[in-house]
PDB file of N, CA and C in Angstrom:
ATOM      1  N   MET A   1       0.845  -1.172   0.000  1.00  0.00           N
ATOM      2  CA  MET A   1       0.000   0.000   0.000  1.00  0.00           C
ATOM      3  C   MET A   1       0.893   1.238   0.000  1.00  0.00           C
ATOM      4  N   SER A   2       0.516   2.223  -0.806  1.00  0.00           N
ATOM      5  CA  SER A   2       1.297   3.446  -0.946  1.00  0.00           C
ATOM      6  C   SER A   2       0.483   4.656  -0.505  1.00  0.00           C
ATOM      7  N   LEU A   3       1.205   5.715  -0.162  1.00  0.00           N
ATOM      8  CA  LEU A   3       0.580   6.963   0.228  1.00  0.00           C
ATOM      9  C   LEU A   3       0.733   7.968  -0.913  1.00  0.00           C
ATOM     10  N   PHE A   4      -0.353   8.627  -1.273  1.00  0.00           N
ATOM     11  CA  PHE A   4      -0.362   9.598  -2.364  1.00  0.00           C
ATOM     12  C   PHE A   4      -0.881  10.931  -1.864  1.00  0.00           C
ATOM     13  N   ARG A   5      -0.336  12.009  -2.417  1.00  0.00           N
ATOM     14  CA  ARG A   5      -0.869  13.352  -2.173  1.00  0.00           C
ATOM     15  C   ARG A   5      -1.506  13.813  -3.475  1.00  0.00           C
ATOM     16  N   ILE A   6      -2.758  14.204  -3.405  1.00  0.00           N
ATOM     17  CA  ILE A   6      -3.487  14.697  -4.566  1.00  0.00           C
ATOM     18  C   ILE A   6      -3.669  16.201  -4.368  1.00  0.00           C
ATOM     19  N   VAL A   7      -3.219  16.992  -5.357  1.00  0.00           N
ATOM     20  CA  VAL A   7      -3.210  18.451  -5.252  1.00  0.00           C
ATOM     21  C   VAL A   7      -3.989  19.050  -6.426  1.00  0.00           C
ATOM     22  N   VAL A   8      -4.839  20.040  -6.125  1.00  0.00           N
ATOM     23  CA  VAL A   8      -5.553  20.770  -7.168  1.00  0.00           C
ATOM     24  C   VAL A   8      -4.551  21.699  -7.845  1.00  0.00           C
ATOM     25  N   LYS A   9      -4.405  21.575  -9.174  1.00  0.00           N
ATOM     26  CA  LYS A   9      -3.396  22.362  -9.868  1.00  0.00           C
ATOM     27  C   LYS A   9      -3.912  23.646 -10.505  1.00  0.00           C
ATOM     28  N   GLN A  10      -5.247  23.812 -10.604  1.00  0.00           N
ATOM     29  CA  GLN A  10      -5.799  25.064 -11.116  1.00  0.00           C
ATOM     30  C   GLN A  10      -7.198  25.277 -10.566  1.00  0.00           C
ATOM     31  N   LYS A  11      -7.603  26.537 -10.468  1.00  0.00           N
ATOM     32  CA  LYS A  11      -8.944  26.844  -9.980  1.00  0.00           C
ATOM     33  C   LYS A  11      -9.979  26.264 -10.933  1.00  0.00           C
ATOM     34  N   HIS A  12     -11.097  25.832 -10.340  1.00  0.00           N
ATOM     35  CA  HIS A  12     -12.180  25.274 -11.151  1.00  0.00           C
ATOM     36  C   HIS A  12     -13.490  25.532 -10.425  1.00  0.00           C
ATOM     37  N   TYR A  13     -14.472  26.064 -11.156  1.00  0.00           N
ATOM     38  CA  TYR A  13     -15.790  26.333 -10.582  1.00  0.00           C
ATOM     39  C   TYR A  13     -16.841  25.740 -11.501  1.00  0.00           C
ATOM     40  N   ALA A  14     -17.661  24.855 -10.959  1.00  0.00           N
ATOM     41  CA  ALA A  14     -18.742  24.240 -11.733  1.00  0.00           C
ATOM     42  C   ALA A  14     -19.827  23.768 -10.771  1.00  0.00           C
ATOM     43  N   ASN A  15     -21.073  23.896 -11.196  1.00  0.00           N
ATOM     44  CA  ASN A  15     -22.234  23.429 -10.424  1.00  0.00           C
ATOM     45  C   ASN A  15     -22.251  23.965  -8.996  1.00  0.00           C
ATOM     46  N   GLY A  16     -21.790  25.210  -8.821  1.00  0.00           N
ATOM     47  CA  GLY A  16     -21.810  25.835  -7.506  1.00  0.00           C
ATOM     48  C   GLY A  16     -20.730  25.363  -6.558  1.00  0.00           C
ATOM     49  N   ILE A  17     -19.768  24.587  -7.055  1.00  0.00           N
ATOM     50  CA  ILE A  17     -18.689  24.046  -6.227  1.00  0.00           C
ATOM     51  C   ILE A  17     -17.365  24.590  -6.743  1.00  0.00           C
ATOM     52  N   LYS A  18     -16.559  25.127  -5.817  1.00  0.00           N
ATOM     53  CA  LYS A  18     -15.317  25.786  -6.198  1.00  0.00           C
ATOM     54  C   LYS A  18     -14.104  25.001  -5.692  1.00  0.00           C
ATOM     55  N   LEU A  19     -13.162  24.739  -6.599  1.00  0.00           N
ATOM     56  CA  LEU A  19     -11.870  24.165  -6.234  1.00  0.00           C
ATOM     57  C   LEU A  19     -10.830  25.274  -6.319  1.00  0.00           C
ATOM     58  N   GLU A  20      -9.978  25.365  -5.312  1.00  0.00           N
ATOM     59  CA  GLU A  20      -8.905  26.358  -5.308  1.00  0.00           C
ATOM     60  C   GLU A  20      -7.572  25.666  -5.526  1.00  0.00           C
ATOM     61  N   GLN A  21      -6.715  26.323  -6.270  1.00  0.00           N
ATOM     62  CA  GLN A  21      -5.379  25.797  -6.513  1.00  0.00           C
ATOM     63  C   GLN A  21      -4.663  25.591  -5.176  1.00  0.00           C
ATOM     64  N   GLY A  22      -4.022  24.440  -5.025  1.00  0.00           N
ATOM     65  CA  GLY A  22      -3.271  24.138  -3.813  1.00  0.00           C
ATOM     66  C   GLY A  22      -4.008  23.277  -2.808  1.00  0.00           C
ATOM     67  N   MET A  23      -5.325  23.134  -2.939  1.00  0.00           N
ATOM     68  CA  MET A  23      -6.050  22.221  -2.044  1.00  0.00           C
ATOM     69  C   MET A  23      -5.441  20.834  -2.205  1.00  0.00           C
ATOM     70  N   SER A  24      -5.277  20.113  -1.098  1.00  0.00           N
ATOM     71  CA  SER A  24      -4.673  18.790  -1.213  1.00  0.00           C
ATOM     72  C   SER A  24      -5.254  17.823  -0.187  1.00  0.00           C
ATOM     73  N   VAL A  25      -5.166  16.559  -0.519  1.00  0.00           N
ATOM     74  CA  VAL A  25      -5.549  15.477   0.382  1.00  0.00           C
ATOM     75  C   VAL A  25      -4.498  14.379   0.265  1.00  0.00           C
ATOM     76  N   GLU A  26      -4.419  13.545   1.291  1.00  0.00           N
ATOM     77  CA  GLU A  26      -3.542  12.383   1.247  1.00  0.00           C
ATOM     78  C   GLU A  26      -4.410  11.132   1.257  1.00  0.00           C
ATOM     79  N   VAL A  27      -4.021  10.179   0.423  1.00  0.00           N
ATOM     80  CA  VAL A  27      -4.797   8.957   0.249  1.00  0.00           C
ATOM     81  C   VAL A  27      -3.857   7.759   0.304  1.00  0.00           C
ATOM     82  N   ALA A  28      -4.195   6.780   1.123  1.00  0.00           N
ATOM     83  CA  ALA A  28      -3.477   5.507   1.126  1.00  0.00           C
ATOM     84  C   ALA A  28      -4.217   4.583   0.167  1.00  0.00           C
ATOM     85  N   SER A  29      -3.479   3.997  -0.763  1.00  0.00           N
ATOM     86  CA  SER A  29      -4.126   3.169  -1.777  1.00  0.00           C
ATOM     87  C   SER A  29      -3.233   2.000  -2.172  1.00  0.00           C
ATOM     88  N   SER A  30      -3.868   0.900  -2.510  1.00  0.00           N
ATOM     89  CA  SER A  30      -3.124  -0.252  -3.013  1.00  0.00           C
ATOM     90  C   SER A  30      -2.987  -0.181  -4.536  1.00  0.00           C
ATOM     91  N   TYR A  31      -3.631   0.820  -5.156  1.00  0.00           N
ATOM     92  CA  TYR A  31      -3.549   1.003  -6.604  1.00  0.00           C
ATOM     93  C   TYR A  31      -2.353   1.884  -6.960  1.00  0.00           C
ATOM     94  N   SER A  32      -1.916   1.792  -8.222  1.00  0.00           N
ATOM     95  CA  SER A  32      -0.774   2.602  -8.661  1.00  0.00           C
ATOM     96  C   SER A  32      -1.159   4.056  -8.903  1.00  0.00           C
ATOM     97  N   ASN A  33      -2.436   4.325  -9.190  1.00  0.00           N
ATOM     98  CA  ASN A  33      -2.914   5.689  -9.351  1.00  0.00           C
ATOM     99  C   ASN A  33      -4.363   5.750  -8.852  1.00  0.00           C
ATOM    100  N   PRO A  34      -4.582   6.268  -7.647  1.00  0.00           N
ATOM    101  CA  PRO A  34      -5.929   6.264  -7.074  1.00  0.00           C
ATOM    102  C   PRO A  34      -6.911   7.177  -7.808  1.00  0.00           C
ATOM    103  N   LEU A  35      -6.420   8.067  -8.635  1.00  0.00           N
ATOM    104  CA  LEU A  35      -7.300   8.973  -9.373  1.00  0.00           C
ATOM    105  C   LEU A  35      -7.975   8.272 -10.547  1.00  0.00           C
ATOM    106  N   THR A  36      -7.249   7.391 -11.210  1.00  0.00           N
ATOM    107  CA  THR A  36      -7.776   6.744 -12.411  1.00  0.00           C
ATOM    108  C   THR A  36      -8.307   5.336 -12.162  1.00  0.00           C
ATOM    109  N   THR A  37      -8.027   4.770 -11.002  1.00  0.00           N
ATOM    110  CA  THR A  37      -8.457   3.411 -10.699  1.00  0.00           C
ATOM    111  C   THR A  37      -9.696   3.444  -9.819  1.00  0.00           C
ATOM    112  N   ASN A  38     -10.615   2.532 -10.071  1.00  0.00           N
ATOM    113  CA  ASN A  38     -11.829   2.389  -9.269  1.00  0.00           C
ATOM    114  C   ASN A  38     -12.673   3.659  -9.290  1.00  0.00           C
ATOM    115  N   GLY A  39     -12.645   4.375 -10.395  1.00  0.00           N
ATOM    116  CA  GLY A  39     -13.461   5.580 -10.542  1.00  0.00           C
ATOM    117  C   GLY A  39     -13.034   6.733  -9.653  1.00  0.00           C
ATOM    118  N   GLY A  40     -11.829   6.680  -9.116  1.00  0.00           N
ATOM    119  CA  GLY A  40     -11.339   7.749  -8.250  1.00  0.00           C
ATOM    120  C   GLY A  40     -12.058   7.816  -6.912  1.00  0.00           C
ATOM    121  N   HIS A  41     -12.677   6.704  -6.534  1.00  0.00           N
ATOM    122  CA  HIS A  41     -13.496   6.651  -5.316  1.00  0.00           C
ATOM    123  C   HIS A  41     -12.721   7.091  -4.069  1.00  0.00           C
ATOM    124  N   GLU A  42     -11.470   6.679  -3.917  1.00  0.00           N
ATOM    125  CA  GLU A  42     -10.677   7.025  -2.735  1.00  0.00           C
ATOM    126  C   GLU A  42     -10.399   8.526  -2.677  1.00  0.00           C
ATOM    127  N   VAL A  43     -10.116   9.119  -3.825  1.00  0.00           N
ATOM    128  CA  VAL A  43      -9.850  10.558  -3.899  1.00  0.00           C
ATOM    129  C   VAL A  43     -11.137  11.326  -3.617  1.00  0.00           C
ATOM    130  N   GLN A  44     -12.213  10.886  -4.205  1.00  0.00           N
ATOM    131  CA  GLN A  44     -13.530  11.492  -3.985  1.00  0.00           C
ATOM    132  C   GLN A  44     -13.863  11.520  -2.491  1.00  0.00           C
ATOM    133  N   ASP A  45     -13.706  10.381  -1.830  1.00  0.00           N
ATOM    134  CA  ASP A  45     -14.009  10.288  -0.402  1.00  0.00           C
ATOM    135  C   ASP A  45     -13.113  11.205   0.431  1.00  0.00           C
ATOM    136  N   ALA A  46     -11.840  11.306   0.079  1.00  0.00           N
ATOM    137  CA  ALA A  46     -10.906  12.150   0.827  1.00  0.00           C
ATOM    138  C   ALA A  46     -11.288  13.629   0.721  1.00  0.00           C
ATOM    139  N   PHE A  47     -11.702  14.090  -0.456  1.00  0.00           N
ATOM    140  CA  PHE A  47     -12.116  15.485  -0.610  1.00  0.00           C
ATOM    141  C   PHE A  47     -13.418  15.767   0.137  1.00  0.00           C
ATOM    142  N   ILE A  48     -14.307  14.800   0.180  1.00  0.00           N
ATOM    143  CA  ILE A  48     -15.543  14.982   0.943  1.00  0.00           C
ATOM    144  C   ILE A  48     -15.231  15.064   2.436  1.00  0.00           C
ATOM    145  N   ARG A  49     -14.353  14.188   2.934  1.00  0.00           N
ATOM    146  CA  ARG A  49     -13.999  14.199   4.359  1.00  0.00           C
ATOM    147  C   ARG A  49     -13.326  15.506   4.766  1.00  0.00           C
ATOM    148  N   LYS A  50     -12.358  15.969   3.963  1.00  0.00           N
ATOM    149  CA  LYS A  50     -11.559  17.123   4.362  1.00  0.00           C
ATOM    150  C   LYS A  50     -12.243  18.456   4.073  1.00  0.00           C
ATOM    151  N   TYR A  51     -12.846  18.595   2.893  1.00  0.00           N
ATOM    152  CA  TYR A  51     -13.383  19.891   2.476  1.00  0.00           C
ATOM    153  C   TYR A  51     -14.899  19.913   2.302  1.00  0.00           C
ATOM    154  N   GLY A  52     -15.535  18.747   2.297  1.00  0.00           N
ATOM    155  CA  GLY A  52     -16.963  18.689   2.027  1.00  0.00           C
ATOM    156  C   GLY A  52     -17.290  18.965   0.567  1.00  0.00           C
ATOM    157  N   ILE A  53     -16.313  18.722  -0.303  1.00  0.00           N
ATOM    158  CA  ILE A  53     -16.457  18.991  -1.735  1.00  0.00           C
ATOM    159  C   ILE A  53     -16.673  17.688  -2.490  1.00  0.00           C
ATOM    160  N   ASP A  54     -17.709  17.663  -3.307  1.00  0.00           N
ATOM    161  CA  ASP A  54     -18.005  16.515  -4.147  1.00  0.00           C
ATOM    162  C   ASP A  54     -17.371  16.743  -5.523  1.00  0.00           C
ATOM    163  N   LEU A  55     -16.251  16.091  -5.768  1.00  0.00           N
ATOM    164  CA  LEU A  55     -15.521  16.287  -7.027  1.00  0.00           C
ATOM    165  C   LEU A  55     -16.304  15.809  -8.244  1.00  0.00           C
ATOM    166  N   LYS A  56     -17.138  14.813  -8.072  1.00  0.00           N
ATOM    167  CA  LYS A  56     -17.920  14.325  -9.215  1.00  0.00           C
ATOM    168  C   LYS A  56     -18.961  15.358  -9.638  1.00  0.00           C
ATOM    169  N   LYS A  57     -19.623  16.000  -8.690  1.00  0.00           N
ATOM    170  CA  LYS A  57     -20.581  17.054  -9.026  1.00  0.00           C
ATOM    171  C   LYS A  57     -19.878  18.252  -9.652  1.00  0.00           C
ATOM    172  N   ASN A  58     -18.643  18.507  -9.219  1.00  0.00           N
ATOM    173  CA  ASN A  58     -17.847  19.621  -9.732  1.00  0.00           C
ATOM    174  C   ASN A  58     -17.199  19.281 -11.070  1.00  0.00           C
ATOM    175  N   CYS A  59     -17.242  18.016 -11.464  1.00  0.00           N
ATOM    176  CA  CYS A  59     -16.558  17.531 -12.676  1.00  0.00           C
ATOM    177  C   CYS A  59     -15.053  17.760 -12.584  1.00  0.00           C
ATOM    178  N   GLY A  60     -14.524  17.738 -11.378  1.00  0.00           N
ATOM    179  CA  GLY A  60     -13.108  17.985 -11.158  1.00  0.00           C
ATOM    180  C   GLY A  60     -12.308  16.738 -10.851  1.00  0.00           C
ATOM    181  N   LEU A  61     -12.920  15.586 -10.934  1.00  0.00           N
ATOM    182  CA  LEU A  61     -12.229  14.326 -10.650  1.00  0.00           C
ATOM    183  C   LEU A  61     -11.504  13.885 -11.911  1.00  0.00           C
ATOM    184  N   SER A  62     -10.445  14.622 -12.241  1.00  0.00           N
ATOM    185  CA  SER A  62      -9.738  14.416 -13.502  1.00  0.00           C
ATOM    186  C   SER A  62      -8.290  14.868 -13.360  1.00  0.00           C
ATOM    187  N   SER A  63      -7.416  14.283 -14.162  1.00  0.00           N
ATOM    188  CA  SER A  63      -6.014  14.688 -14.154  1.00  0.00           C
ATOM    189  C   SER A  63      -5.823  16.082 -14.752  1.00  0.00           C
ATOM    190  N   VAL A  64      -6.860  16.626 -15.378  1.00  0.00           N
ATOM    191  CA  VAL A  64      -6.800  18.005 -15.868  1.00  0.00           C
ATOM    192  C   VAL A  64      -6.699  18.964 -14.686  1.00  0.00           C
ATOM    193  N   TYR A  65      -7.392  18.663 -13.590  1.00  0.00           N
ATOM    194  CA  TYR A  65      -7.443  19.543 -12.425  1.00  0.00           C
ATOM    195  C   TYR A  65      -6.629  19.047 -11.240  1.00  0.00           C
ATOM    196  N   LEU A  66      -6.264  17.765 -11.228  1.00  0.00           N
ATOM    197  CA  LEU A  66      -5.592  17.184 -10.071  1.00  0.00           C
ATOM    198  C   LEU A  66      -4.257  16.560 -10.444  1.00  0.00           C
ATOM    199  N   ASP A  67      -3.251  16.788  -9.597  1.00  0.00           N
ATOM    200  CA  ASP A  67      -1.944  16.125  -9.724  1.00  0.00           C
ATOM    201  C   ASP A  67      -1.849  15.050  -8.655  1.00  0.00           C
ATOM    202  N   VAL A  68      -1.278  13.921  -9.010  1.00  0.00           N
ATOM    203  CA  VAL A  68      -1.081  12.819  -8.074  1.00  0.00           C
ATOM    204  C   VAL A  68       0.417  12.653  -7.859  1.00  0.00           C
ATOM    205  N   HIS A  69       0.840  12.725  -6.573  1.00  0.00           N
ATOM    206  CA  HIS A  69       2.251  12.558  -6.228  1.00  0.00           C
ATOM    207  C   HIS A  69       2.358  11.390  -5.251  1.00  0.00           C
ATOM    208  N   LYS A  70       3.211  10.433  -5.582  1.00  0.00           N
ATOM    209  CA  LYS A  70       3.431   9.306  -4.672  1.00  0.00           C
ATOM    210  C   LYS A  70       4.398   9.743  -3.594  1.00  0.00           C
ATOM    211  N   ILE A  71       3.983   9.602  -2.332  1.00  0.00           N
ATOM    212  CA  ILE A  71       4.808  10.020  -1.203  1.00  0.00           C
ATOM    213  C   ILE A  71       5.683   8.853  -0.730  1.00  0.00           C
ATOM    214  N   SER A  72       5.077   7.686  -0.578  1.00  0.00           N
ATOM    215  CA  SER A  72       5.855   6.510  -0.166  1.00  0.00           C
ATOM    216  C   SER A  72       5.194   5.245  -0.622  1.00  0.00           C
TER     217      SER A  72
END
Protein backbone atom coordinates (compact mmCIF):
# COMPACT_ATOMS: atom_id res chain seq x y z
CA MET A 1 0.00 0.00 0.00
CA SER A 2 1.30 3.45 -0.95
CA LEU A 3 0.58 6.96 0.23
CA PHE A 4 -0.36 9.60 -2.36
CA ARG A 5 -0.87 13.35 -2.17
CA ILE A 6 -3.49 14.70 -4.57
CA VAL A 7 -3.21 18.45 -5.25
CA VAL A 8 -5.55 20.77 -7.17
CA LYS A 9 -3.40 22.36 -9.87
CA GLN A 10 -5.80 25.06 -11.12
CA LYS A 11 -8.94 26.84 -9.98
CA HIS A 12 -12.18 25.27 -11.15
CA TYR A 13 -15.79 26.33 -10.58
CA ALA A 14 -18.74 24.24 -11.73
CA ASN A 15 -22.23 23.43 -10.42
CA GLY A 16 -21.81 25.84 -7.51
CA ILE A 17 -18.69 24.05 -6.23
CA LYS A 18 -15.32 25.79 -6.20
CA LEU A 19 -11.87 24.16 -6.23
CA GLU A 20 -8.91 26.36 -5.31
CA GLN A 21 -5.38 25.80 -6.51
CA GLY A 22 -3.27 24.14 -3.81
CA MET A 23 -6.05 22.22 -2.04
CA SER A 24 -4.67 18.79 -1.21
CA VAL A 25 -5.55 15.48 0.38
CA GLU A 26 -3.54 12.38 1.25
CA VAL A 27 -4.80 8.96 0.25
CA ALA A 28 -3.48 5.51 1.13
CA SER A 29 -4.13 3.17 -1.78
CA SER A 30 -3.12 -0.25 -3.01
CA TYR A 31 -3.55 1.00 -6.60
CA SER A 32 -0.77 2.60 -8.66
CA ASN A 33 -2.91 5.69 -9.35
CA PRO A 34 -5.93 6.26 -7.07
CA LEU A 35 -7.30 8.97 -9.37
CA THR A 36 -7.78 6.74 -12.41
CA THR A 37 -8.46 3.41 -10.70
CA ASN A 38 -11.83 2.39 -9.27
CA GLY A 39 -13.46 5.58 -10.54
CA GLY A 40 -11.34 7.75 -8.25
CA HIS A 41 -13.50 6.65 -5.32
CA GLU A 42 -10.68 7.02 -2.73
CA VAL A 43 -9.85 10.56 -3.90
CA GLN A 44 -13.53 11.49 -3.99
CA ASP A 45 -14.01 10.29 -0.40
CA ALA A 46 -10.91 12.15 0.83
CA PHE A 47 -12.12 15.49 -0.61
CA ILE A 48 -15.54 14.98 0.94
CA ARG A 49 -14.00 14.20 4.36
CA LYS A 50 -11.56 17.12 4.36
CA TYR A 51 -13.38 19.89 2.48
CA GLY A 52 -16.96 18.69 2.03
CA ILE A 53 -16.46 18.99 -1.73
CA ASP A 54 -18.00 16.52 -4.15
CA LEU A 55 -15.52 16.29 -7.03
CA LYS A 56 -17.92 14.32 -9.22
CA LYS A 57 -20.58 17.05 -9.03
CA ASN A 58 -17.85 19.62 -9.73
CA CYS A 59 -16.56 17.53 -12.68
CA GLY A 60 -13.11 17.99 -11.16
CA LEU A 61 -12.23 14.33 -10.65
CA SER A 62 -9.74 14.42 -13.50
CA SER A 63 -6.01 14.69 -14.15
CA VAL A 64 -6.80 18.01 -15.87
CA TYR A 65 -7.44 19.54 -12.42
CA LEU A 66 -5.59 17.18 -10.07
CA ASP A 67 -1.94 16.12 -9.72
CA VAL A 68 -1.08 12.82 -8.07
CA HIS A 69 2.25 12.56 -6.23
CA LYS A 70 3.43 9.31 -4.67
CA ILE A 71 4.81 10.02 -1.20
CA SER A 72 5.85 6.51 -0.17
